[in-house]
Structures are given as C-alpha cells and as structure tokens.
N, C-alpha and C. Protein backbone atom coordinates (compact mmCIF):
# COMPACT_ATOMS: atom_id res chain seq x y z
N MET A 1 -12.68 20.99 -15.68
CA MET A 1 -11.63 20.69 -14.23
C MET A 1 -11.06 19.62 -14.43
N GLY A 2 -10.14 19.32 -13.83
CA GLY A 2 -9.25 18.21 -14.27
C GLY A 2 -9.74 16.42 -13.86
N GLU A 3 -8.75 15.58 -13.93
CA GLU A 3 -9.35 14.61 -13.17
C GLU A 3 -8.75 14.56 -11.73
N ARG A 4 -9.75 13.84 -10.55
CA ARG A 4 -9.08 13.78 -9.18
C ARG A 4 -7.96 13.18 -9.37
N LYS A 5 -7.25 13.70 -8.85
CA LYS A 5 -5.75 13.02 -8.08
C LYS A 5 -6.36 11.69 -7.36
N ILE A 6 -5.43 10.72 -7.37
CA ILE A 6 -5.77 9.61 -6.74
C ILE A 6 -4.30 9.78 -5.54
N ARG A 7 -5.00 9.04 -4.53
CA ARG A 7 -4.76 9.83 -3.17
C ARG A 7 -3.94 8.36 -2.68
N VAL A 8 -2.74 8.23 -2.64
CA VAL A 8 -1.88 6.77 -1.78
C VAL A 8 -1.14 7.31 -0.99
N LEU A 9 -1.22 6.07 -0.11
CA LEU A 9 -0.34 6.33 1.32
C LEU A 9 0.61 5.23 1.23
N VAL A 10 1.96 5.36 1.14
CA VAL A 10 2.95 4.60 1.46
C VAL A 10 3.58 4.20 2.84
N ALA A 11 3.52 3.21 3.01
CA ALA A 11 3.72 2.97 4.52
C ALA A 11 4.43 1.80 4.76
N LYS A 12 5.53 1.72 5.65
CA LYS A 12 6.51 0.53 6.52
C LYS A 12 5.95 0.30 7.26
N PRO A 13 4.98 -0.81 7.68
CA PRO A 13 5.18 -1.30 8.71
C PRO A 13 6.12 -1.92 9.63
N GLY A 14 6.04 -2.03 10.68
CA GLY A 14 7.01 -2.88 11.49
C GLY A 14 8.13 -2.27 11.86
N LEU A 15 8.75 -3.06 12.14
CA LEU A 15 10.66 -2.37 12.35
C LEU A 15 12.03 -2.67 10.90
N ASP A 16 10.97 -2.99 10.01
CA ASP A 16 11.48 -2.58 9.06
C ASP A 16 12.35 -0.87 8.88
N GLY A 17 13.72 -1.28 8.53
CA GLY A 17 13.93 0.54 8.37
C GLY A 17 14.75 0.71 6.86
N HIS A 18 14.27 -0.19 6.05
CA HIS A 18 15.00 0.13 4.78
C HIS A 18 13.68 0.60 3.76
N ASP A 19 14.13 1.37 3.32
CA ASP A 19 12.94 2.55 2.74
C ASP A 19 13.25 3.05 1.75
N ARG A 20 14.76 2.63 0.95
CA ARG A 20 15.07 2.71 -0.44
C ARG A 20 13.50 2.40 -1.34
N GLY A 21 13.35 1.79 -1.40
CA GLY A 21 12.38 0.74 -2.52
C GLY A 21 11.10 1.66 -2.37
N ALA A 22 10.56 2.27 -0.95
CA ALA A 22 9.22 2.74 -0.70
C ALA A 22 9.50 3.89 -1.05
N LYS A 23 10.57 4.96 -1.43
CA LYS A 23 10.91 5.95 -1.79
C LYS A 23 10.86 6.01 -2.92
N VAL A 24 11.11 4.89 -3.78
CA VAL A 24 11.33 4.61 -5.02
C VAL A 24 10.03 4.89 -5.90
N ILE A 25 9.29 4.23 -5.01
CA ILE A 25 7.66 4.01 -5.17
C ILE A 25 6.88 5.14 -4.88
N ALA A 26 7.29 5.72 -3.88
CA ALA A 26 6.41 7.14 -3.72
C ALA A 26 6.85 7.97 -4.84
N ARG A 27 7.98 7.87 -5.04
CA ARG A 27 8.11 9.19 -5.99
C ARG A 27 7.37 8.76 -7.68
N ALA A 28 7.61 7.48 -7.71
CA ALA A 28 7.03 7.00 -9.27
C ALA A 28 5.56 7.66 -9.49
N LEU A 29 4.81 6.94 -8.36
CA LEU A 29 3.47 7.51 -8.31
C LEU A 29 3.28 8.41 -8.17
N ARG A 30 4.11 9.58 -7.52
CA ARG A 30 4.10 11.05 -7.85
C ARG A 30 3.92 11.86 -9.14
N ASP A 31 4.78 11.01 -9.57
CA ASP A 31 5.46 11.41 -11.24
C ASP A 31 4.67 11.12 -11.85
N GLY A 32 3.56 9.94 -11.55
CA GLY A 32 2.62 9.47 -12.19
C GLY A 32 0.99 10.05 -12.20
N GLY A 33 1.43 11.20 -11.79
CA GLY A 33 0.23 12.00 -11.14
C GLY A 33 -0.66 11.48 -9.76
N MET A 34 -0.28 10.80 -9.51
CA MET A 34 -0.85 10.62 -7.85
C MET A 34 -0.20 11.75 -6.71
N GLU A 35 -1.19 11.93 -5.75
CA GLU A 35 -0.77 12.42 -4.55
C GLU A 35 -0.72 11.41 -3.62
N VAL A 36 1.04 11.55 -3.31
CA VAL A 36 1.10 10.26 -2.37
C VAL A 36 2.07 10.98 -0.75
N ILE A 37 0.75 10.32 0.34
CA ILE A 37 1.69 10.74 0.90
C ILE A 37 2.41 9.61 1.91
N TYR A 38 3.74 9.80 2.58
CA TYR A 38 4.80 8.99 2.62
C TYR A 38 4.87 8.78 4.48
N THR A 39 4.90 7.75 5.17
CA THR A 39 4.67 8.15 6.49
C THR A 39 5.96 7.21 7.14
N GLY A 40 7.02 7.21 6.32
CA GLY A 40 8.07 6.64 6.74
C GLY A 40 8.29 5.32 7.40
N ILE A 41 9.06 4.93 8.10
CA ILE A 41 9.19 3.94 8.68
C ILE A 41 9.07 3.83 9.99
N ARG A 42 9.07 2.21 10.32
CA ARG A 42 8.64 1.87 11.97
C ARG A 42 7.13 2.09 12.24
N GLN A 43 6.16 2.35 11.27
CA GLN A 43 4.60 2.56 11.87
C GLN A 43 4.19 1.49 12.07
N THR A 44 3.14 1.43 12.96
CA THR A 44 2.65 0.74 13.78
C THR A 44 0.73 0.29 12.68
N PRO A 45 0.44 -0.84 12.52
CA PRO A 45 -0.91 -1.26 11.71
C PRO A 45 -1.74 -0.08 12.24
N GLU A 46 -1.52 0.65 13.76
CA GLU A 46 -2.46 1.29 13.81
C GLU A 46 -2.47 2.93 13.14
N GLN A 47 -1.22 3.43 13.51
CA GLN A 47 -0.67 4.50 12.87
C GLN A 47 -1.02 4.68 10.91
N ILE A 48 -1.03 3.63 10.58
CA ILE A 48 -1.06 3.45 9.29
C ILE A 48 -2.40 3.81 8.97
N VAL A 49 -3.62 3.06 9.31
CA VAL A 49 -5.11 2.97 9.32
C VAL A 49 -5.09 4.83 9.83
N ALA A 50 -4.96 5.04 10.63
CA ALA A 50 -5.23 6.13 11.67
C ALA A 50 -4.97 7.39 9.97
N THR A 51 -3.69 7.39 9.51
CA THR A 51 -3.14 8.08 8.74
C THR A 51 -4.33 8.16 7.58
N ALA A 52 -4.58 6.64 6.90
CA ALA A 52 -5.29 6.59 5.55
C ALA A 52 -6.81 7.03 5.96
N ILE A 53 -7.26 6.92 7.01
CA ILE A 53 -8.55 7.35 6.98
C ILE A 53 -8.75 8.59 7.31
N GLN A 54 -7.68 9.58 8.10
CA GLN A 54 -7.61 11.15 8.20
C GLN A 54 -7.21 11.59 6.62
N GLU A 55 -6.70 10.96 5.72
CA GLU A 55 -6.12 11.65 4.52
C GLU A 55 -6.85 11.74 3.68
N GLY A 56 -8.04 9.81 3.93
CA GLY A 56 -8.85 9.88 2.76
C GLY A 56 -8.53 9.29 1.83
N VAL A 57 -7.72 8.39 1.57
CA VAL A 57 -6.85 7.63 0.89
C VAL A 57 -7.21 7.28 -0.09
N ASP A 58 -6.74 6.64 -1.36
CA ASP A 58 -8.01 5.69 -1.96
C ASP A 58 -6.96 4.04 -2.30
N VAL A 59 -5.88 4.19 -2.12
CA VAL A 59 -5.37 3.32 -1.85
C VAL A 59 -3.61 3.16 -0.53
N VAL A 60 -3.76 2.18 0.24
CA VAL A 60 -2.61 2.18 1.32
C VAL A 60 -1.24 1.11 0.40
N GLY A 61 -0.26 1.59 0.05
CA GLY A 61 0.88 0.64 -0.23
C GLY A 61 1.87 0.65 0.77
N LEU A 62 1.59 -0.93 0.94
CA LEU A 62 2.48 -1.07 2.29
C LEU A 62 4.07 -1.89 1.57
N SER A 63 4.85 -1.56 2.15
CA SER A 63 6.51 -2.29 2.05
C SER A 63 6.98 -2.95 2.70
N CYS A 64 7.12 -4.33 3.23
CA CYS A 64 8.10 -4.87 3.78
C CYS A 64 9.15 -5.77 3.73
N LEU A 65 10.33 -5.58 4.38
CA LEU A 65 11.75 -6.63 3.71
C LEU A 65 11.67 -7.38 5.06
N SER A 66 11.38 -7.29 6.41
CA SER A 66 11.66 -7.85 7.37
C SER A 66 11.15 -9.22 7.38
N GLY A 67 10.26 -9.77 6.99
CA GLY A 67 9.55 -10.90 6.89
C GLY A 67 8.19 -10.86 7.81
N ALA A 68 7.70 -9.90 8.23
CA ALA A 68 6.76 -9.77 9.05
C ALA A 68 5.69 -8.93 8.61
N HIS A 69 5.71 -9.38 6.91
CA HIS A 69 4.38 -9.36 6.08
C HIS A 69 3.29 -10.14 6.47
N ASN A 70 3.36 -11.20 6.90
CA ASN A 70 1.79 -12.24 7.07
C ASN A 70 1.65 -11.98 8.30
N GLN A 71 2.18 -10.70 9.51
CA GLN A 71 1.16 -10.51 10.40
C GLN A 71 0.68 -8.80 10.45
N LEU A 72 1.61 -8.27 9.84
CA LEU A 72 1.52 -6.82 10.06
C LEU A 72 0.50 -6.63 8.68
N PHE A 73 0.48 -6.97 7.40
CA PHE A 73 -0.36 -6.52 6.19
C PHE A 73 -1.68 -6.92 6.64
N PRO A 74 -2.06 -8.35 6.51
CA PRO A 74 -3.52 -8.39 7.29
C PRO A 74 -4.00 -7.71 8.33
N GLU A 75 -3.20 -7.13 9.36
CA GLU A 75 -3.53 -6.49 10.32
C GLU A 75 -4.50 -4.99 9.82
N VAL A 76 -3.38 -4.44 9.13
CA VAL A 76 -3.63 -3.45 8.43
C VAL A 76 -5.18 -3.26 7.67
N VAL A 77 -5.63 -4.38 6.99
CA VAL A 77 -6.29 -4.55 6.49
C VAL A 77 -7.73 -4.53 7.23
N LYS A 78 -7.42 -5.44 8.41
CA LYS A 78 -8.47 -5.51 9.58
C LYS A 78 -8.94 -4.61 10.11
N LEU A 79 -8.01 -3.77 10.46
CA LEU A 79 -8.36 -2.30 10.88
C LEU A 79 -9.02 -1.35 10.27
N LEU A 80 -8.56 -1.42 8.84
CA LEU A 80 -9.08 -0.36 7.90
C LEU A 80 -10.61 -0.69 7.46
N ARG A 81 -11.03 -1.98 7.78
CA ARG A 81 -12.44 -2.53 7.83
C ARG A 81 -13.37 -1.88 9.05
N GLU A 82 -12.43 -2.52 10.14
CA GLU A 82 -13.10 -1.87 11.51
C GLU A 82 -13.21 -0.18 11.24
N LYS A 83 -12.33 0.21 10.72
CA LYS A 83 -12.24 1.80 10.82
C LYS A 83 -13.11 2.57 9.45
N GLY A 84 -14.09 1.53 8.77
CA GLY A 84 -15.08 2.06 7.97
C GLY A 84 -14.01 2.45 6.28
N GLY A 85 -12.79 1.87 6.47
CA GLY A 85 -12.21 2.18 5.11
C GLY A 85 -11.91 0.54 4.03
N ASP A 86 -13.27 0.08 3.88
CA ASP A 86 -13.34 -0.89 3.00
C ASP A 86 -13.13 -1.01 1.73
N ASP A 87 -13.09 0.53 1.51
CA ASP A 87 -13.09 0.79 0.16
C ASP A 87 -11.84 0.72 -0.12
N ILE A 88 -10.72 0.97 0.56
CA ILE A 88 -9.42 1.69 0.51
C ILE A 88 -8.77 0.54 0.10
N LEU A 89 -8.07 0.43 -1.48
CA LEU A 89 -7.16 -0.45 -1.71
C LEU A 89 -5.84 -1.14 -1.10
N VAL A 90 -5.73 -2.20 -1.13
CA VAL A 90 -4.58 -2.16 -0.10
C VAL A 90 -2.98 -3.42 -0.64
N ILE A 91 -2.45 -2.76 -1.37
CA ILE A 91 -1.39 -3.28 -2.06
C ILE A 91 0.20 -3.19 -1.36
N CYS A 92 0.71 -4.23 -1.88
CA CYS A 92 2.06 -4.56 -1.09
C CYS A 92 3.27 -4.66 -2.07
N GLY A 93 4.41 -4.75 -1.24
CA GLY A 93 6.01 -5.12 -1.89
C GLY A 93 6.65 -5.58 -1.13
N GLY A 94 7.98 -5.90 -1.45
CA GLY A 94 8.84 -6.20 -0.40
C GLY A 94 9.41 -7.54 -1.02
N ILE A 95 10.12 -8.28 -0.04
CA ILE A 95 10.82 -9.50 0.27
C ILE A 95 9.59 -10.39 0.61
N ILE A 96 8.67 -11.11 -0.75
CA ILE A 96 7.68 -11.62 0.05
C ILE A 96 7.78 -12.89 -0.37
N PRO A 97 7.70 -13.91 0.15
CA PRO A 97 7.82 -15.24 -0.51
C PRO A 97 6.29 -15.40 -1.48
N TYR A 98 6.92 -16.06 -2.62
CA TYR A 98 5.25 -16.50 -2.91
C TYR A 98 4.43 -17.36 -2.52
N ASP A 99 4.99 -18.32 -1.74
CA ASP A 99 4.36 -19.48 -0.89
C ASP A 99 2.95 -18.48 -0.02
N ASP A 100 3.87 -17.12 0.26
CA ASP A 100 3.08 -16.26 0.95
C ASP A 100 1.87 -15.17 0.39
N ILE A 101 1.90 -15.26 -0.72
CA ILE A 101 1.12 -14.20 -1.86
C ILE A 101 -0.52 -14.51 -1.33
N PRO A 102 -0.67 -16.02 -1.81
CA PRO A 102 -2.49 -16.50 -1.73
C PRO A 102 -2.79 -15.94 0.07
N LEU A 103 -2.36 -16.49 0.59
CA LEU A 103 -2.42 -16.18 2.06
C LEU A 103 -2.79 -14.52 2.35
N LEU A 104 -1.64 -13.88 1.58
CA LEU A 104 -2.28 -12.26 1.88
C LEU A 104 -3.06 -11.82 1.08
N LYS A 105 -3.16 -12.78 -0.14
CA LYS A 105 -4.70 -12.03 -1.00
C LYS A 105 -6.06 -12.53 0.00
N GLU A 106 -5.88 -14.05 0.48
CA GLU A 106 -7.15 -14.15 0.82
C GLU A 106 -7.47 -12.93 2.04
N ALA A 107 -6.36 -12.38 2.58
CA ALA A 107 -6.50 -11.92 3.98
C ALA A 107 -7.23 -10.32 3.48
N GLY A 108 -7.20 -10.03 1.94
CA GLY A 108 -7.92 -8.34 1.68
C GLY A 108 -6.43 -7.89 0.84
N ILE A 109 -5.51 -8.20 0.69
CA ILE A 109 -4.36 -7.80 -0.43
C ILE A 109 -4.88 -7.54 -1.56
N GLY A 110 -4.81 -6.67 -2.19
CA GLY A 110 -5.00 -6.17 -3.48
C GLY A 110 -4.55 -6.98 -4.44
N GLU A 111 -2.94 -6.60 -4.09
CA GLU A 111 -1.69 -7.24 -5.51
C GLU A 111 -0.42 -7.28 -4.29
N VAL A 112 0.25 -8.19 -4.52
CA VAL A 112 1.85 -8.38 -4.34
C VAL A 112 2.69 -8.13 -5.07
N PHE A 113 3.36 -6.87 -5.12
CA PHE A 113 4.28 -6.67 -5.87
C PHE A 113 5.56 -7.25 -5.88
N GLN A 114 6.69 -8.03 -6.73
CA GLN A 114 7.31 -8.66 -5.99
C GLN A 114 8.46 -8.10 -6.79
N PRO A 115 9.86 -8.20 -6.22
CA PRO A 115 11.05 -7.48 -6.88
C PRO A 115 11.16 -7.67 -8.37
N GLY A 116 11.67 -6.39 -9.00
CA GLY A 116 11.07 -6.73 -10.11
C GLY A 116 10.21 -6.46 -10.88
N ALA A 117 9.04 -5.92 -10.43
CA ALA A 117 7.80 -5.16 -10.98
C ALA A 117 8.16 -3.58 -11.15
N THR A 118 7.69 -3.36 -12.51
CA THR A 118 8.18 -1.90 -12.81
C THR A 118 7.24 -1.00 -12.49
N THR A 119 7.31 0.35 -12.17
CA THR A 119 6.69 1.60 -11.63
C THR A 119 5.54 1.59 -12.44
N GLU A 120 5.55 1.61 -13.81
CA GLU A 120 4.30 1.42 -14.66
C GLU A 120 3.38 0.38 -14.57
N GLU A 121 3.45 -1.19 -14.19
CA GLU A 121 3.28 -1.69 -13.81
C GLU A 121 2.06 -1.49 -12.45
N ILE A 122 2.69 -0.83 -11.81
CA ILE A 122 2.48 -0.60 -10.09
C ILE A 122 0.87 0.29 -10.50
N ILE A 123 1.82 1.88 -11.20
CA ILE A 123 0.51 2.53 -11.76
C ILE A 123 -0.26 2.35 -12.20
N ALA A 124 -0.19 1.54 -13.37
CA ALA A 124 -1.16 1.17 -14.02
C ALA A 124 -2.46 -0.19 -12.77
N PHE A 125 -2.11 -0.99 -12.57
CA PHE A 125 -2.88 -1.80 -11.77
C PHE A 125 -3.34 -0.32 -10.75
N ILE A 126 -2.62 0.42 -10.53
CA ILE A 126 -3.59 1.36 -9.33
C ILE A 126 -4.54 2.33 -9.94
N LYS A 127 -4.34 2.56 -10.94
CA LYS A 127 -5.21 3.27 -11.94
C LYS A 127 -6.15 2.53 -12.14
N ASP A 128 -6.38 1.16 -12.77
CA ASP A 128 -7.23 0.38 -13.09
C ASP A 128 -8.40 -0.21 -11.70
N GLN A 129 -7.42 -0.53 -11.10
CA GLN A 129 -8.57 -0.81 -9.47
C GLN A 129 -9.52 0.60 -8.91
N VAL A 130 -8.58 1.38 -8.99
CA VAL A 130 -9.19 3.01 -8.36
C VAL A 130 -10.42 3.09 -9.46
N GLU A 131 -10.00 2.82 -11.01
CA GLU A 131 -11.09 3.43 -11.75
C GLU A 131 -12.67 2.60 -11.39
N ARG A 132 -12.34 1.29 -11.22
CA ARG A 132 -13.63 0.51 -11.16
C ARG A 132 -13.95 0.72 -9.79
N ASN A 133 -13.59 1.45 -8.61
CA ASN A 133 -14.33 1.55 -7.72
C ASN A 133 -14.81 2.92 -7.56
N ASP A 134 -14.65 3.44 -8.48
CA ASP A 134 -15.25 4.76 -8.58
C ASP A 134 -16.33 4.66 -9.35
C-alpha cells in the first residue's frame, strides 16, 4: 500500500479577488503528490473552516493580497480550534509585511511564506510538519 496523500485546502479569505498565486501553489502542491482542494476566491473564515473539517484536511493554506490577513487568518485558526481542528496546520502567503509575521505566528499560523518563496520550500515545509504530527 502506498503512502497516504497529504490533504491541503487552499483558500482565499475575504474580498481579495487575485488568485493567480493561490492557483500556482495549488498546482505545485498537487504536482508534489498532495491532494488539493481549492475553494476559490472571496471565502469567509466560516466557509473555509467548514470545508477543512468536512474534507478532513491536514493543512489549510491561506492567501491574501488585500491587507486583511491580520483579521482573517487568526479568525480561521480560532474557528478551526473551536470546531476540533487543532491538529490542522495553517500556513499562509501573500503580501504580508514582515512586522505582521510575529503576530500571525502568535495567533497560530505555522508559517508565513513571503513573495519569492519557492514551491519546493513550501512543499518541504508541509511534508515535514505533517510527518511530525502523524
């Protein structure tokens, strides 16, 4: 029997309509052997969490270019914890100022990937973290 595929939900919370980066990441994760669910744009934290729980994902990847990351990303983490998804790794990317990274990590974000992060780095991080949790 083969290895279990890592299940990743890629989501665009809020009103941000720019999804090219999220689609690139979703494709790279799929090509890296993961099962990817992409929710599309303009999702609420509640919709993202409901999908993550329903699909039994290992990872939620959030992308935001609108500047609302400080409100939306911690809300996703909080709702996941409330719904029993404390073991789900939450990572994020987008245009996120360096000064915001410590606050996001304190709120439960596992890693923040800045512009320029390679898909190989993201895949390796996810695989490492999910292996540690298994």
